[in-house]
Amino acid sequence: MRWIGESLGLTTAPSGPSGIGGLPPATPSPAGPPGTQVTHPPEPKRSKDIRSFMGEKNPKSDVHVAAVIAYFYRFEASQPDRKETLTATELDDASRQARGYGFKVPRVTLNNACLTGYFDRVGRGRFKLNAVGENLVAMALPSTSDDTAGNARARRAKKRSSKPKRRLARADKAPVKRSKMSAEGRARIAAAQKARWAKIKAAKPALS
């Protein structure tokens, strides 16, 4: 075909590579430079549940439990469930979810937390965790030392154990004082006896 075309003075366009079924070949997608890694969008952060967060912080007192609950609902809960403040009822419900039981008097616990300096009153019946309470949960918990009640029990036990020691020390010192006094008394008694026997000896010749 090429020779016939050249003899007739016809030119034929160079035929390029054809695809399957006469279709043009697919254009390959441009590849990135060698050594590059494909980056994937970061996975969304999963929010913790209150039970696992309570186990992670492991508070030892009711006041600390209240601080952990308030911190969870302010920073760790899913966005629709977050709360800036808590009421006594909300605190008690959250405690039942986290620990399986509530507080005896949740409002008293919140009042004690305010006196401790972890909460502020922001409205009628509403309480908000302040910076001190946030630092407690974020930095101090879980605590490696004993809880406040445990420390109080230890102090009371130490006082009880120290009292017999003081009594024993007094008992040890008391005989020393008595021994000094008894020595002086014995000396006086001995002198009196000598004087008495001297009088008796002096009186015997006169009787005879």
Protein backbone atom coordinates (compact mmCIF):
# COMPACT_ATOMS: atom_id res chain seq x y z
CA MET A 1 0.00 0.00 0.00
CA ARG A 2 2.79 2.38 0.71
CA TRP A 3 4.49 1.71 -2.71
CA ILE A 4 1.22 2.27 -4.60
CA GLY A 5 0.63 5.50 -2.77
CA GLU A 6 4.14 6.78 -3.48
CA SER A 7 3.82 5.87 -7.19
CA LEU A 8 0.58 7.82 -7.45
CA GLY A 9 2.06 10.77 -5.52
CA LEU A 10 -0.14 10.28 -2.51
CA THR A 11 1.12 10.75 1.04
CA THR A 12 -0.16 8.75 3.93
CA ALA A 13 -0.13 9.95 7.48
CA PRO A 14 1.94 7.85 9.82
CA SER A 15 -0.23 5.54 11.75
CA GLY A 16 0.24 5.65 15.50
CA PRO A 17 -0.43 2.86 17.93
CA SER A 18 -4.07 2.03 18.09
CA GLY A 19 -6.00 0.83 21.06
CA ILE A 20 -8.26 -2.12 21.38
CA GLY A 21 -11.01 -2.15 18.71
CA GLY A 22 -9.49 0.80 16.84
CA LEU A 23 -9.93 3.13 19.80
CA PRO A 24 -7.13 5.45 20.81
CA PRO A 25 -5.05 4.16 23.69
CA ALA A 26 -5.91 5.31 27.16
CA THR A 27 -3.79 8.10 28.48
CA PRO A 28 -2.01 7.01 31.66
CA SER A 29 -2.65 9.11 34.73
CA PRO A 30 0.30 11.24 35.73
CA ALA A 31 2.19 9.67 38.58
CA GLY A 32 3.77 11.66 41.35
CA PRO A 33 7.47 11.91 41.83
CA PRO A 34 9.12 8.77 43.08
CA GLY A 35 9.33 8.40 46.85
CA THR A 36 6.20 10.41 47.63
CA GLN A 37 3.55 8.98 49.96
CA VAL A 38 -0.15 9.38 49.55
CA THR A 39 -1.57 11.20 52.58
CA HIS A 40 -4.97 10.30 53.93
CA PRO A 41 -7.19 12.66 55.90
CA PRO A 42 -6.88 12.12 59.67
CA GLU A 43 -9.55 10.03 61.31
CA PRO A 44 -11.94 11.96 63.52
CA LYS A 45 -11.15 11.79 67.24
CA ARG A 46 -13.37 9.35 69.06
CA SER A 47 -14.95 10.70 72.20
CA LYS A 48 -14.56 8.73 75.41
CA ASP A 49 -17.47 7.40 77.38
CA ILE A 50 -17.86 8.57 80.94
CA ARG A 51 -17.35 5.12 82.48
CA SER A 52 -13.94 4.62 80.88
CA PHE A 53 -12.91 8.19 81.69
CA MET A 54 -13.89 7.67 85.33
CA GLY A 55 -11.83 4.48 85.45
CA GLU A 56 -8.88 6.28 83.90
CA LYS A 57 -8.91 9.11 86.46
CA ASN A 58 -9.87 6.87 89.41
CA PRO A 59 -11.06 9.57 91.85
CA LYS A 60 -11.04 8.66 95.53
CA SER A 61 -13.57 11.09 97.03
CA ASP A 62 -17.01 12.38 96.09
CA VAL A 63 -15.63 15.86 95.47
CA HIS A 64 -13.07 14.44 93.03
CA VAL A 65 -15.79 12.39 91.34
CA ALA A 66 -17.82 15.54 90.80
CA ALA A 67 -14.77 17.28 89.31
CA VAL A 68 -14.12 14.36 86.93
CA ILE A 69 -17.75 14.35 85.77
CA ALA A 70 -17.77 18.09 85.15
CA TYR A 71 -14.44 17.88 83.27
CA PHE A 72 -15.74 15.03 81.11
CA TYR A 73 -18.87 16.86 80.04
CA ARG A 74 -16.93 20.03 79.37
CA PHE A 75 -13.97 18.66 77.38
CA GLU A 76 -14.20 14.91 76.65
CA ALA A 77 -17.84 14.19 75.77
CA SER A 78 -19.12 14.24 72.20
CA GLN A 79 -19.95 17.71 70.96
CA PRO A 80 -23.76 17.43 71.29
CA ASP A 81 -23.45 16.17 74.89
CA ARG A 82 -21.04 18.79 76.21
CA LYS A 83 -22.08 21.01 79.12
CA GLU A 84 -20.46 24.02 80.69
CA THR A 85 -22.36 23.73 83.98
CA LEU A 86 -24.00 20.98 86.02
CA THR A 87 -26.93 20.71 88.38
CA ALA A 88 -27.20 18.30 91.27
CA THR A 89 -29.59 16.11 89.27
CA GLU A 90 -27.26 16.00 86.26
CA LEU A 91 -24.33 15.17 88.52
CA ASP A 92 -26.22 12.32 90.16
CA ASP A 93 -27.34 10.88 86.80
CA ALA A 94 -23.79 11.05 85.45
CA SER A 95 -22.48 9.31 88.57
CA ARG A 96 -24.92 6.44 88.04
CA GLN A 97 -23.68 6.07 84.46
CA ALA A 98 -20.03 6.24 85.46
CA ARG A 99 -19.99 4.26 88.73
CA GLY A 100 -23.30 2.45 88.82
CA TYR A 101 -24.56 4.44 91.82
CA GLY A 102 -25.18 8.06 92.70
CA PHE A 103 -24.40 10.37 95.59
CA LYS A 104 -26.19 10.38 98.93
CA VAL A 105 -26.91 14.10 98.61
CA PRO A 106 -25.47 15.41 95.32
CA ARG A 107 -26.10 19.06 96.16
CA VAL A 108 -24.05 18.71 99.35
CA THR A 109 -21.24 17.25 97.27
CA LEU A 110 -21.32 20.25 94.93
CA ASN A 111 -21.37 22.66 97.89
CA ASN A 112 -18.35 20.88 99.36
CA ALA A 113 -16.62 21.09 95.97
CA CYS A 114 -17.21 24.86 96.01
CA LEU A 115 -15.77 25.13 99.51
CA THR A 116 -12.77 23.10 98.39
CA GLY A 117 -12.23 25.51 95.52
CA TYR A 118 -12.93 23.24 92.55
CA PHE A 119 -16.32 24.69 91.50
CA ASP A 120 -17.97 28.08 91.21
CA ARG A 121 -21.67 28.88 91.54
CA VAL A 122 -22.84 30.43 88.28
CA GLY A 123 -26.59 30.48 88.80
CA ARG A 124 -29.40 29.13 90.84
CA GLY A 125 -28.59 25.47 91.35
CA ARG A 126 -25.86 25.42 88.67
CA PHE A 127 -22.16 24.84 89.23
CA LYS A 128 -19.16 25.23 86.93
CA LEU A 129 -15.74 23.61 87.18
CA ASN A 130 -13.10 26.34 87.56
CA ALA A 131 -9.40 26.38 86.66
CA VAL A 132 -8.39 24.73 89.93
CA GLY A 133 -10.76 21.83 89.29
CA GLU A 134 -9.57 21.52 85.70
CA ASN A 135 -5.95 21.26 86.85
CA LEU A 136 -6.96 18.69 89.44
CA VAL A 137 -8.47 16.37 86.82
CA ALA A 138 -5.94 17.04 84.06
CA MET A 139 -2.75 17.04 86.15
CA ALA A 140 -3.28 15.47 89.58
CA LEU A 141 -5.56 12.54 88.80
CA PRO A 142 -5.15 9.64 89.02
CA SER A 143 -3.46 10.26 92.33
CA THR A 144 -0.57 8.04 93.38
CA SER A 145 -1.01 8.88 97.07
CA ASP A 146 -3.76 7.83 99.42
CA ASP A 147 -7.03 9.68 99.41
CA THR A 148 -7.94 12.32 101.95
CA ALA A 149 -9.97 9.92 104.07
CA GLY A 150 -7.10 7.45 104.07
CA ASN A 151 -4.67 10.11 105.18
CA ALA A 152 -7.04 11.13 107.97
CA ARG A 153 -7.33 7.52 109.11
CA ALA A 154 -3.55 7.17 109.02
CA ARG A 155 -3.12 10.33 111.11
CA ARG A 156 -5.61 9.09 113.68
CA ALA A 157 -3.89 5.70 113.84
CA LYS A 158 -0.55 7.42 114.28
CA LYS A 159 -1.90 9.50 117.17
CA ARG A 160 -3.33 6.41 118.84
CA SER A 161 -0.06 4.55 118.47
CA SER A 162 1.96 7.48 119.82
CA LYS A 163 -0.07 7.87 123.02
CA PRO A 164 1.12 4.60 124.68
CA LYS A 165 4.70 5.57 123.87
CA ARG A 166 4.31 8.83 125.75
CA ARG A 167 2.75 7.01 128.68
CA LEU A 168 5.59 4.52 128.75
CA ALA A 169 8.10 7.33 128.66
CA ARG A 170 6.42 8.97 131.65
CA ALA A 171 6.34 5.65 133.45
CA ASP A 172 10.07 5.23 132.83
CA LYS A 173 10.84 8.69 134.16
CA ALA A 174 8.64 8.33 137.26
CA PRO A 175 10.70 5.57 138.99
CA VAL A 176 13.84 7.67 138.58
CA LYS A 177 12.28 10.52 140.54
CA ARG A 178 10.96 8.13 143.19
CA SER A 179 14.36 6.46 143.49
CA LYS A 180 15.99 9.83 144.26
CA MET A 181 13.44 10.66 146.91
CA SER A 182 13.59 7.19 148.41
CA ALA A 183 17.39 7.42 148.70
CA GLU A 184 17.13 10.64 150.68
CA GLY A 185 14.39 9.11 152.78
CA ARG A 186 16.44 6.01 153.41
CA ALA A 187 19.36 8.16 154.50
CA ARG A 188 17.18 10.08 156.93
CA ILE A 189 15.66 6.87 158.25
CA ALA A 190 19.10 5.32 158.65
CA ALA A 191 20.36 8.37 160.53
CA ALA A 192 17.32 8.34 162.79
CA GLN A 193 17.82 4.64 163.51
CA LYS A 194 21.46 5.17 164.37
CA ALA A 195 20.58 7.99 166.71
CA ARG A 196 17.92 5.85 168.34
CA TRP A 197 20.25 2.91 168.83
CA ALA A 198 22.85 5.28 170.23
CA LYS A 199 20.34 6.52 172.79
CA ILE A 200 19.36 2.95 173.64
CA LYS A 201 22.98 1.90 174.11
CA ALA A 202 23.62 4.92 176.25
CA ALA A 203 20.60 4.15 178.40
CA LYS A 204 21.46 0.43 179.05
CA PRO A 205 24.18 1.01 181.72
CA ALA A 206 21.88 3.28 183.68
CA LEU A 207 19.18 0.59 183.71
CA SER A 208 21.58 -2.05 184.87
